[in-house]
Amino acid sequence: MPSGMAVVLAVALWMAVAGCATPAEWQEWRAHSSHFASGQHGIFSMRNNPDSSSPRVSRADLNAAQAGTGWGKVITVSPEQIFEPR
């Protein structure tokens, strides 16, 4: 197999495996009629990485979370991690 073809196959395999969800994640996803509960929920999810290792949470995000307008994995932050957008 030519090396270019091996690279293409490796990338295709990586893309297929990287997008896999766990059964619990699929169950959570199927339980809702849309991917995000609101525009704010979508922006929050796009801004934060999936493993929550460096969350970016604003006061508005906290207020929305307390109102129960989203779903998904809970992200815990300390007070010093909360930012105020400019």
Protein backbone atom coordinates (compact mmCIF):
# COMPACT_ATOMS: atom_id res chain seq x y z
CA MET A 1 0.00 0.00 0.00
CA PRO A 2 1.44 3.42 -0.89
CA SER A 3 2.30 5.58 2.11
CA GLY A 4 -0.18 8.27 1.04
CA MET A 5 -3.00 5.73 1.12
CA ALA A 6 -1.91 4.57 4.58
CA VAL A 7 -2.11 8.14 5.86
CA VAL A 8 -5.59 8.60 4.38
CA LEU A 9 -6.75 5.34 5.98
CA ALA A 10 -5.23 6.28 9.33
CA VAL A 11 -6.94 9.68 9.31
CA ALA A 12 -10.28 8.12 8.30
CA LEU A 13 -10.02 5.55 11.07
CA TRP A 14 -9.11 8.21 13.63
CA MET A 15 -12.09 10.37 12.58
CA ALA A 16 -14.46 7.40 12.83
CA VAL A 17 -13.27 6.43 16.31
CA ALA A 18 -12.88 9.96 17.72
CA GLY A 19 -16.57 10.75 17.20
CA CYS A 20 -17.85 7.76 19.17
CA ALA A 21 -20.03 8.31 22.22
CA THR A 22 -20.57 6.01 25.16
CA PRO A 23 -23.96 4.28 25.56
CA ALA A 24 -24.78 6.67 28.43
CA GLU A 25 -23.93 9.69 26.24
CA TRP A 26 -26.16 8.36 23.44
CA GLN A 27 -29.00 7.80 25.91
CA GLU A 28 -28.66 11.39 27.18
CA TRP A 29 -28.58 12.73 23.61
CA ARG A 30 -31.68 10.74 22.55
CA ALA A 31 -33.64 11.99 25.60
CA HIS A 32 -33.89 15.51 24.17
CA SER A 33 -35.49 16.94 21.05
CA SER A 34 -32.49 19.10 20.15
CA HIS A 35 -28.75 19.00 20.64
CA PHE A 36 -28.68 22.09 22.91
CA ALA A 37 -31.41 23.35 25.25
CA SER A 38 -30.91 26.98 24.19
CA GLY A 39 -28.55 29.26 22.31
CA GLN A 40 -26.76 30.08 25.56
CA HIS A 41 -26.37 26.36 26.30
CA GLY A 42 -24.88 25.86 22.82
CA ILE A 43 -22.40 28.73 23.23
CA PHE A 44 -21.38 27.42 26.65
CA SER A 45 -20.84 23.90 25.31
CA MET A 46 -18.83 25.12 22.32
CA ARG A 47 -16.66 27.31 24.57
CA ASN A 48 -15.81 24.49 27.00
CA ASN A 49 -13.76 21.43 26.12
CA PRO A 50 -15.40 18.01 26.53
CA ASP A 51 -13.23 16.88 29.44
CA SER A 52 -13.89 20.12 31.41
CA SER A 53 -10.21 20.46 32.26
CA SER A 54 -10.22 24.25 31.79
CA PRO A 55 -13.80 25.52 32.11
CA ARG A 56 -14.73 29.08 31.10
CA VAL A 57 -17.84 29.98 33.08
CA SER A 58 -19.50 33.38 33.30
CA ARG A 59 -22.01 34.65 35.86
CA ALA A 60 -24.70 34.38 33.14
CA ASP A 61 -23.75 30.71 32.66
CA LEU A 62 -24.23 30.09 36.39
CA ASN A 63 -27.61 31.84 36.37
CA ALA A 64 -28.77 29.76 33.38
CA ALA A 65 -27.56 26.55 35.07
CA GLN A 66 -29.45 27.40 38.26
CA ALA A 67 -32.58 28.04 36.18
CA GLY A 68 -32.21 24.53 34.76
CA THR A 69 -32.11 25.57 31.09
CA GLY A 70 -29.49 23.04 29.99
CA TRP A 71 -28.52 19.40 30.18
CA GLY A 72 -25.39 17.33 29.96
CA LYS A 73 -22.38 16.85 32.18
CA VAL A 74 -22.11 19.19 35.16
CA ILE A 75 -19.00 21.37 35.27
CA THR A 76 -17.80 22.44 38.71
CA VAL A 77 -15.79 25.64 39.02
CA SER A 78 -14.26 27.57 41.88
CA PRO A 79 -15.18 31.25 42.40
CA GLU A 80 -11.85 32.44 40.94
CA GLN A 81 -12.60 30.61 37.67
CA ILE A 82 -15.76 32.64 37.00
CA PHE A 83 -15.13 35.38 34.45
CA GLU A 84 -17.07 38.50 33.53
CA PRO A 85 -17.29 39.12 29.76
CA ARG A 86 -16.28 42.56 28.57
